[in-house]
Amino acid sequence: MAQEIERKFLIRDAGIVDSLAGERLTQGYLSHDKNATVRVRIAGTTGWLTIKGKTVGATRSEFEYPVPEEDARQMLDELCNAGVIDKTRYRLPQGELCWEIDVFHGDNDGLIVAEIELPSEDTPFDKPDWLGEEVTGDPRYYNSALSSTPFNQWADD
């Protein structure tokens, strides 16, 4: 079974991406269901269709398929039922693992998160000094949630 095991953190120091090359990602959601989301994404000139299951702990099922870029653009324009996510992704290898740092734009401007995919939930990993609070279990930080309730609309806590 295809699975994603991921931990997500806020960033203390946005300067961590200053020397890294990033890739612009545009994505929207075709379905927001409590048990599954269906996402379309354009990364560079490649389209992707991704189905993600319900998150339990830090694990969820994930199925991802390439689609023609023009099909992905049409899905984003015509079928996404909430806002579109615009972000730049930076990759920072850490041994055999890799941090993915997302700097959000548009309605989510100001939000920067780092994710690390793990082979198992109990895989140890170093937490760099630039990491902030862990938000793995906070559904507000799911990209699917950010598409319908963007970061700039959150009430001050």
N, C-alpha and C. Protein backbone atom coordinates (compact mmCIF):
# COMPACT_ATOMS: atom_id res chain seq x y z
N MET A 1 0.83 -1.18 0.00
CA MET A 1 0.00 0.00 0.00
C MET A 1 0.88 1.25 0.00
N ALA A 2 0.54 2.22 -0.81
CA ALA A 2 1.28 3.48 -0.87
C ALA A 2 0.96 4.31 0.37
N GLN A 3 2.00 4.69 1.11
CA GLN A 3 1.81 5.47 2.32
C GLN A 3 2.75 6.65 2.35
N GLU A 4 2.30 7.69 3.03
CA GLU A 4 3.11 8.86 3.31
C GLU A 4 3.18 8.98 4.82
N ILE A 5 4.39 9.05 5.34
CA ILE A 5 4.60 9.28 6.77
C ILE A 5 5.39 10.57 6.86
N GLU A 6 4.74 11.59 7.42
CA GLU A 6 5.30 12.93 7.32
C GLU A 6 5.13 13.68 8.64
N ARG A 7 6.17 14.42 9.03
CA ARG A 7 6.10 15.31 10.19
C ARG A 7 6.25 16.73 9.66
N LYS A 8 5.49 17.66 10.24
CA LYS A 8 5.44 19.04 9.75
C LYS A 8 5.75 20.00 10.90
N PHE A 9 6.56 21.03 10.58
CA PHE A 9 7.00 22.00 11.58
C PHE A 9 6.92 23.42 11.01
N LEU A 10 6.72 24.39 11.89
CA LEU A 10 6.89 25.78 11.52
C LEU A 10 8.39 26.07 11.48
N ILE A 11 8.75 27.19 10.91
CA ILE A 11 10.15 27.58 10.75
C ILE A 11 10.47 28.78 11.65
N ARG A 12 11.60 28.72 12.35
CA ARG A 12 12.06 29.84 13.18
C ARG A 12 12.81 30.87 12.35
N ASP A 13 13.56 30.38 11.35
CA ASP A 13 14.45 31.25 10.57
C ASP A 13 14.21 31.03 9.08
N ALA A 14 13.48 31.96 8.46
CA ALA A 14 13.17 31.85 7.02
C ALA A 14 14.42 31.95 6.16
N GLY A 15 15.51 32.47 6.69
CA GLY A 15 16.75 32.59 5.94
C GLY A 15 17.35 31.26 5.54
N ILE A 16 16.83 30.17 6.08
CA ILE A 16 17.35 28.85 5.74
C ILE A 16 17.23 28.56 4.25
N VAL A 17 16.29 29.19 3.56
CA VAL A 17 16.09 28.92 2.13
C VAL A 17 16.88 29.87 1.23
N ASP A 18 17.53 30.87 1.80
CA ASP A 18 18.20 31.91 0.99
C ASP A 18 19.19 31.36 -0.02
N SER A 19 19.89 30.30 0.31
CA SER A 19 20.92 29.76 -0.61
C SER A 19 20.42 28.56 -1.41
N LEU A 20 19.13 28.24 -1.31
CA LEU A 20 18.59 27.06 -1.97
C LEU A 20 17.81 27.44 -3.23
N ALA A 21 17.80 26.55 -4.22
CA ALA A 21 16.97 26.73 -5.41
C ALA A 21 15.59 26.15 -5.10
N GLY A 22 14.55 26.87 -5.46
CA GLY A 22 13.20 26.42 -5.19
C GLY A 22 12.44 26.10 -6.45
N GLU A 23 11.32 25.40 -6.27
CA GLU A 23 10.43 25.06 -7.38
C GLU A 23 9.03 25.57 -7.05
N ARG A 24 8.44 26.32 -7.97
CA ARG A 24 7.09 26.86 -7.75
C ARG A 24 6.06 25.75 -7.95
N LEU A 25 5.13 25.64 -7.02
CA LEU A 25 4.06 24.65 -7.08
C LEU A 25 2.73 25.37 -7.02
N THR A 26 1.81 24.95 -7.87
CA THR A 26 0.44 25.44 -7.85
C THR A 26 -0.46 24.22 -7.69
N GLN A 27 -1.37 24.27 -6.73
CA GLN A 27 -2.21 23.10 -6.51
C GLN A 27 -3.59 23.51 -6.02
N GLY A 28 -4.55 22.67 -6.35
CA GLY A 28 -5.92 22.87 -5.92
C GLY A 28 -6.55 21.53 -5.59
N TYR A 29 -7.74 21.59 -5.01
CA TYR A 29 -8.38 20.37 -4.53
C TYR A 29 -9.69 20.12 -5.26
N LEU A 30 -9.79 18.92 -5.80
CA LEU A 30 -10.99 18.49 -6.51
C LEU A 30 -12.01 17.94 -5.53
N SER A 31 -11.54 17.45 -4.39
CA SER A 31 -12.42 16.87 -3.38
C SER A 31 -11.81 17.09 -2.00
N HIS A 32 -12.65 17.56 -1.07
CA HIS A 32 -12.29 17.69 0.34
C HIS A 32 -13.25 16.81 1.11
N ASP A 33 -12.82 15.65 1.45
CA ASP A 33 -13.65 14.72 2.21
C ASP A 33 -12.87 14.35 3.46
N LYS A 34 -13.54 14.06 4.56
CA LYS A 34 -12.81 13.73 5.79
C LYS A 34 -11.98 12.47 5.65
N ASN A 35 -12.35 11.59 4.71
CA ASN A 35 -11.61 10.34 4.53
C ASN A 35 -10.60 10.38 3.39
N ALA A 36 -10.74 11.35 2.47
CA ALA A 36 -9.82 11.42 1.33
C ALA A 36 -9.88 12.80 0.68
N THR A 37 -8.73 13.24 0.19
CA THR A 37 -8.68 14.45 -0.61
C THR A 37 -8.09 14.08 -1.97
N VAL A 38 -8.53 14.82 -2.99
CA VAL A 38 -8.00 14.63 -4.33
C VAL A 38 -7.42 15.97 -4.76
N ARG A 39 -6.13 15.96 -5.08
CA ARG A 39 -5.40 17.19 -5.39
C ARG A 39 -4.87 17.13 -6.81
N VAL A 40 -4.86 18.28 -7.47
CA VAL A 40 -4.16 18.43 -8.74
C VAL A 40 -3.06 19.46 -8.50
N ARG A 41 -1.86 19.17 -9.04
CA ARG A 41 -0.70 20.04 -8.81
C ARG A 41 0.06 20.21 -10.11
N ILE A 42 0.62 21.40 -10.27
CA ILE A 42 1.58 21.63 -11.35
C ILE A 42 2.89 22.00 -10.69
N ALA A 43 3.93 21.22 -11.02
CA ALA A 43 5.30 21.45 -10.54
C ALA A 43 6.16 21.62 -11.78
N GLY A 44 6.62 22.83 -12.03
CA GLY A 44 7.36 23.08 -13.27
C GLY A 44 6.43 22.92 -14.45
N THR A 45 6.72 21.95 -15.30
CA THR A 45 5.87 21.69 -16.46
C THR A 45 5.19 20.32 -16.37
N THR A 46 5.10 19.78 -15.17
CA THR A 46 4.50 18.46 -14.97
C THR A 46 3.26 18.58 -14.11
N GLY A 47 2.19 17.92 -14.53
CA GLY A 47 0.98 17.86 -13.73
C GLY A 47 0.94 16.57 -12.93
N TRP A 48 0.27 16.62 -11.79
CA TRP A 48 0.13 15.46 -10.92
C TRP A 48 -1.27 15.40 -10.36
N LEU A 49 -1.81 14.22 -10.25
CA LEU A 49 -3.08 13.99 -9.58
C LEU A 49 -2.76 13.11 -8.37
N THR A 50 -3.17 13.56 -7.18
CA THR A 50 -2.82 12.86 -5.95
C THR A 50 -4.07 12.62 -5.11
N ILE A 51 -4.20 11.41 -4.62
CA ILE A 51 -5.29 11.05 -3.71
C ILE A 51 -4.64 10.71 -2.37
N LYS A 52 -5.09 11.40 -1.31
CA LYS A 52 -4.55 11.17 0.03
C LYS A 52 -5.68 10.75 0.96
N GLY A 53 -5.40 9.73 1.75
CA GLY A 53 -6.37 9.23 2.72
C GLY A 53 -6.34 10.02 4.01
N LYS A 54 -7.15 9.60 4.96
CA LYS A 54 -7.24 10.22 6.27
C LYS A 54 -5.92 10.03 7.03
N THR A 55 -5.48 11.08 7.69
CA THR A 55 -4.24 11.02 8.46
C THR A 55 -4.51 10.38 9.83
N VAL A 56 -3.68 9.39 10.15
CA VAL A 56 -3.72 8.75 11.47
C VAL A 56 -2.31 8.85 12.03
N GLY A 57 -2.16 9.65 13.09
CA GLY A 57 -0.81 9.95 13.59
C GLY A 57 -0.11 10.82 12.57
N ALA A 58 0.97 10.30 11.98
CA ALA A 58 1.69 11.01 10.93
C ALA A 58 1.61 10.25 9.60
N THR A 59 0.69 9.28 9.52
CA THR A 59 0.62 8.38 8.37
C THR A 59 -0.71 8.49 7.65
N ARG A 60 -0.64 8.42 6.33
CA ARG A 60 -1.86 8.35 5.52
C ARG A 60 -1.52 7.68 4.20
N SER A 61 -2.54 7.10 3.57
CA SER A 61 -2.32 6.52 2.25
C SER A 61 -2.17 7.66 1.24
N GLU A 62 -1.36 7.40 0.21
CA GLU A 62 -1.12 8.41 -0.82
C GLU A 62 -0.88 7.70 -2.15
N PHE A 63 -1.60 8.17 -3.16
CA PHE A 63 -1.46 7.64 -4.52
C PHE A 63 -1.26 8.84 -5.44
N GLU A 64 -0.20 8.81 -6.25
CA GLU A 64 0.13 9.97 -7.08
C GLU A 64 0.40 9.52 -8.51
N TYR A 65 -0.16 10.28 -9.46
CA TYR A 65 -0.06 9.92 -10.88
C TYR A 65 0.24 11.14 -11.72
N PRO A 66 1.16 11.02 -12.68
CA PRO A 66 1.41 12.15 -13.58
C PRO A 66 0.24 12.33 -14.54
N VAL A 67 -0.06 13.60 -14.85
CA VAL A 67 -1.07 13.93 -15.86
C VAL A 67 -0.48 15.02 -16.74
N PRO A 68 -0.95 15.14 -17.98
CA PRO A 68 -0.44 16.21 -18.84
C PRO A 68 -0.65 17.58 -18.20
N GLU A 69 0.33 18.45 -18.37
CA GLU A 69 0.26 19.79 -17.77
C GLU A 69 -1.02 20.52 -18.17
N GLU A 70 -1.40 20.47 -19.43
CA GLU A 70 -2.61 21.18 -19.87
C GLU A 70 -3.86 20.63 -19.19
N ASP A 71 -3.92 19.32 -18.97
CA ASP A 71 -5.05 18.74 -18.24
C ASP A 71 -5.06 19.27 -16.80
N ALA A 72 -3.89 19.32 -16.18
CA ALA A 72 -3.79 19.82 -14.80
C ALA A 72 -4.23 21.29 -14.74
N ARG A 73 -3.81 22.10 -15.71
CA ARG A 73 -4.23 23.52 -15.74
C ARG A 73 -5.74 23.64 -15.88
N GLN A 74 -6.32 22.83 -16.73
CA GLN A 74 -7.77 22.88 -16.92
C GLN A 74 -8.50 22.47 -15.64
N MET A 75 -8.00 21.43 -14.96
CA MET A 75 -8.60 21.02 -13.70
C MET A 75 -8.52 22.14 -12.66
N LEU A 76 -7.34 22.79 -12.57
CA LEU A 76 -7.18 23.90 -11.62
C LEU A 76 -8.16 25.02 -11.93
N ASP A 77 -8.32 25.35 -13.22
CA ASP A 77 -9.18 26.46 -13.63
C ASP A 77 -10.66 26.16 -13.49
N GLU A 78 -11.06 24.91 -13.77
CA GLU A 78 -12.48 24.61 -13.89
C GLU A 78 -13.07 23.76 -12.76
N LEU A 79 -12.25 22.95 -12.09
CA LEU A 79 -12.80 21.94 -11.20
C LEU A 79 -12.48 22.11 -9.72
N CYS A 80 -11.49 22.93 -9.41
CA CYS A 80 -11.10 23.07 -7.99
C CYS A 80 -12.16 23.89 -7.27
N ASN A 81 -12.70 23.31 -6.19
CA ASN A 81 -13.83 23.91 -5.51
C ASN A 81 -13.45 24.82 -4.35
N ALA A 82 -12.22 25.21 -4.23
CA ALA A 82 -11.78 26.18 -3.22
C ALA A 82 -10.59 26.92 -3.80
N GLY A 83 -9.91 27.70 -2.99
CA GLY A 83 -8.77 28.46 -3.44
C GLY A 83 -7.61 27.59 -3.91
N VAL A 84 -6.76 28.17 -4.69
CA VAL A 84 -5.58 27.48 -5.20
C VAL A 84 -4.38 27.85 -4.32
N ILE A 85 -3.58 26.86 -4.01
CA ILE A 85 -2.37 27.04 -3.21
C ILE A 85 -1.21 27.39 -4.15
N ASP A 86 -0.47 28.43 -3.79
CA ASP A 86 0.71 28.86 -4.54
C ASP A 86 1.87 28.89 -3.54
N LYS A 87 2.93 28.13 -3.83
CA LYS A 87 4.05 28.08 -2.89
C LYS A 87 5.33 27.75 -3.65
N THR A 88 6.43 28.04 -3.02
CA THR A 88 7.74 27.63 -3.54
C THR A 88 8.29 26.59 -2.58
N ARG A 89 8.73 25.47 -3.15
CA ARG A 89 9.27 24.37 -2.34
C ARG A 89 10.79 24.32 -2.50
N TYR A 90 11.45 24.24 -1.36
CA TYR A 90 12.90 24.10 -1.30
C TYR A 90 13.21 22.76 -0.65
N ARG A 91 14.22 22.09 -1.17
CA ARG A 91 14.62 20.79 -0.62
C ARG A 91 15.99 20.90 0.04
N LEU A 92 16.08 20.35 1.24
CA LEU A 92 17.32 20.39 2.01
C LEU A 92 17.61 18.99 2.52
N PRO A 93 18.52 18.26 1.84
CA PRO A 93 18.84 16.88 2.27
C PRO A 93 19.43 16.84 3.68
N GLN A 94 19.07 15.79 4.39
CA GLN A 94 19.62 15.52 5.72
C GLN A 94 19.91 14.03 5.78
N GLY A 95 21.13 13.64 5.44
CA GLY A 95 21.47 12.23 5.38
C GLY A 95 20.64 11.56 4.31
N GLU A 96 19.96 10.46 4.67
CA GLU A 96 19.10 9.75 3.72
C GLU A 96 17.70 10.36 3.64
N LEU A 97 17.42 11.33 4.51
CA LEU A 97 16.12 11.99 4.52
C LEU A 97 16.25 13.36 3.85
N CYS A 98 15.12 14.03 3.66
CA CYS A 98 15.15 15.34 3.02
C CYS A 98 14.05 16.22 3.60
N TRP A 99 14.42 17.43 4.02
CA TRP A 99 13.44 18.42 4.44
C TRP A 99 12.88 19.09 3.21
N GLU A 100 11.57 19.28 3.17
CA GLU A 100 10.91 20.07 2.14
C GLU A 100 10.34 21.29 2.83
N ILE A 101 10.83 22.46 2.44
CA ILE A 101 10.43 23.71 3.07
C ILE A 101 9.54 24.46 2.08
N ASP A 102 8.31 24.73 2.50
CA ASP A 102 7.34 25.40 1.65
C ASP A 102 7.14 26.84 2.12
N VAL A 103 7.41 27.77 1.20
CA VAL A 103 7.17 29.19 1.43
C VAL A 103 5.92 29.54 0.63
N PHE A 104 4.86 29.89 1.34
CA PHE A 104 3.57 30.13 0.71
C PHE A 104 3.46 31.56 0.20
N HIS A 105 2.64 31.72 -0.85
CA HIS A 105 2.40 33.02 -1.46
C HIS A 105 0.90 33.29 -1.47
N GLY A 106 0.51 34.44 -1.98
CA GLY A 106 -0.91 34.77 -2.12
C GLY A 106 -1.61 34.84 -0.78
N ASP A 107 -2.77 34.20 -0.68
CA ASP A 107 -3.57 34.25 0.54
C ASP A 107 -2.91 33.57 1.73
N ASN A 108 -1.87 32.78 1.49
CA ASN A 108 -1.14 32.12 2.58
C ASN A 108 0.23 32.73 2.81
N ASP A 109 0.45 33.92 2.24
CA ASP A 109 1.73 34.61 2.39
C ASP A 109 2.07 34.78 3.87
N GLY A 110 3.31 34.53 4.21
CA GLY A 110 3.76 34.63 5.60
C GLY A 110 3.89 33.27 6.27
N LEU A 111 3.30 32.26 5.69
CA LEU A 111 3.38 30.91 6.26
C LEU A 111 4.55 30.18 5.62
N ILE A 112 5.40 29.60 6.47
CA ILE A 112 6.53 28.79 6.02
C ILE A 112 6.55 27.54 6.89
N VAL A 113 6.50 26.38 6.24
CA VAL A 113 6.52 25.12 6.97
C VAL A 113 7.60 24.20 6.39
N ALA A 114 8.09 23.32 7.23
CA ALA A 114 9.05 22.30 6.80
C ALA A 114 8.44 20.94 7.09
N GLU A 115 8.57 20.04 6.11
CA GLU A 115 8.07 18.68 6.26
C GLU A 115 9.21 17.71 6.02
N ILE A 116 9.15 16.59 6.70
CA ILE A 116 10.11 15.53 6.46
C ILE A 116 9.34 14.22 6.34
N GLU A 117 9.59 13.50 5.25
CA GLU A 117 8.95 12.19 5.05
C GLU A 117 9.86 11.13 5.65
N LEU A 118 9.22 10.21 6.36
CA LEU A 118 9.96 9.20 7.10
C LEU A 118 9.56 7.79 6.64
N PRO A 119 10.48 6.82 6.73
CA PRO A 119 10.13 5.45 6.37
C PRO A 119 9.18 4.79 7.38
N SER A 120 9.19 5.27 8.64
CA SER A 120 8.26 4.79 9.66
C SER A 120 8.06 5.91 10.67
N GLU A 121 6.97 5.83 11.43
CA GLU A 121 6.67 6.91 12.38
C GLU A 121 7.72 7.04 13.48
N ASP A 122 8.42 5.94 13.77
CA ASP A 122 9.41 6.00 14.85
C ASP A 122 10.84 6.20 14.34
N THR A 123 11.00 6.57 13.07
CA THR A 123 12.33 6.84 12.53
C THR A 123 12.91 8.08 13.21
N PRO A 124 14.10 7.97 13.82
CA PRO A 124 14.70 9.15 14.44
C PRO A 124 15.26 10.08 13.36
N PHE A 125 15.24 11.37 13.65
CA PHE A 125 15.82 12.36 12.75
C PHE A 125 16.28 13.55 13.57
N ASP A 126 17.30 14.24 13.06
CA ASP A 126 17.81 15.43 13.74
C ASP A 126 16.86 16.58 13.49
N LYS A 127 16.62 17.39 14.51
CA LYS A 127 15.79 18.59 14.39
C LYS A 127 16.72 19.80 14.36
N PRO A 128 16.90 20.37 13.16
CA PRO A 128 17.79 21.52 13.04
C PRO A 128 17.31 22.71 13.88
N ASP A 129 18.23 23.62 14.19
CA ASP A 129 17.92 24.80 15.01
C ASP A 129 16.88 25.71 14.37
N TRP A 130 16.76 25.67 13.04
CA TRP A 130 15.82 26.56 12.36
C TRP A 130 14.37 26.09 12.44
N LEU A 131 14.15 24.87 12.98
CA LEU A 131 12.78 24.37 13.15
C LEU A 131 12.11 25.04 14.33
N GLY A 132 10.80 25.27 14.18
CA GLY A 132 9.99 25.79 15.26
C GLY A 132 9.04 24.71 15.76
N GLU A 133 7.85 25.14 16.14
CA GLU A 133 6.83 24.27 16.70
C GLU A 133 6.39 23.19 15.72
N GLU A 134 6.18 21.97 16.22
CA GLU A 134 5.64 20.91 15.38
C GLU A 134 4.14 21.10 15.24
N VAL A 135 3.65 20.99 13.99
CA VAL A 135 2.23 21.17 13.70
C VAL A 135 1.66 19.96 12.94
N THR A 136 2.32 18.81 13.08
CA THR A 136 1.90 17.60 12.37
C THR A 136 0.43 17.29 12.58
N GLY A 137 -0.05 17.37 13.78
CA GLY A 137 -1.43 16.99 14.08
C GLY A 137 -2.45 18.11 13.97
N ASP A 138 -2.03 19.30 13.55
CA ASP A 138 -2.94 20.45 13.47
C ASP A 138 -3.52 20.55 12.06
N PRO A 139 -4.80 20.23 11.89
CA PRO A 139 -5.38 20.20 10.54
C PRO A 139 -5.41 21.55 9.84
N ARG A 140 -5.26 22.66 10.56
CA ARG A 140 -5.22 23.98 9.91
C ARG A 140 -4.07 24.08 8.92
N TYR A 141 -3.01 23.31 9.17
CA TYR A 141 -1.81 23.39 8.32
C TYR A 141 -1.84 22.42 7.15
N TYR A 142 -2.88 21.61 7.02
CA TYR A 142 -3.01 20.77 5.83
C TYR A 142 -3.22 21.69 4.64
N ASN A 143 -2.57 21.42 3.54
CA ASN A 143 -2.74 22.25 2.35
C ASN A 143 -4.20 22.29 1.91
N SER A 144 -4.91 21.18 2.06
CA SER A 144 -6.32 21.17 1.69
C SER A 144 -7.11 22.16 2.53
N ALA A 145 -6.78 22.30 3.81
CA ALA A 145 -7.45 23.27 4.68
C ALA A 145 -7.04 24.69 4.30
N LEU A 146 -5.76 24.89 3.97
CA LEU A 146 -5.28 26.22 3.59
C LEU A 146 -5.92 26.72 2.30
N SER A 147 -6.39 25.80 1.46
CA SER A 147 -7.04 26.22 0.22
C SER A 147 -8.42 26.82 0.50
N SER A 148 -9.08 26.38 1.56
CA SER A 148 -10.41 26.92 1.87
C SER A 148 -10.39 27.95 2.99
N THR A 149 -9.43 27.85 3.91
CA THR A 149 -9.26 28.84 4.97
C THR A 149 -7.80 29.26 4.99
N PRO A 150 -7.44 30.22 4.13
CA PRO A 150 -6.04 30.63 4.01
C PRO A 150 -5.48 31.24 5.30
N PHE A 151 -4.19 31.16 5.41
CA PHE A 151 -3.44 31.64 6.58
C PHE A 151 -3.79 33.09 6.92
N ASN A 152 -3.97 33.96 5.90
CA ASN A 152 -4.22 35.37 6.19
C ASN A 152 -5.65 35.62 6.70
N GLN A 153 -6.49 34.59 6.75
CA GLN A 153 -7.85 34.72 7.29
C GLN A 153 -7.96 34.16 8.71
N TRP A 154 -6.89 33.59 9.23
CA TRP A 154 -6.93 33.03 10.58
C TRP A 154 -7.06 34.17 11.58
N ALA A 155 -7.86 33.95 12.60
CA ALA A 155 -7.96 34.92 13.69
C ALA A 155 -6.70 34.78 14.54
N ASP A 156 -6.25 35.89 15.09
CA ASP A 156 -5.09 35.83 16.00
C ASP A 156 -5.42 34.96 17.19
N ASP A 157 -4.49 34.04 17.50
CA ASP A 157 -4.72 33.13 18.65
C ASP A 157 -4.35 33.81 19.95
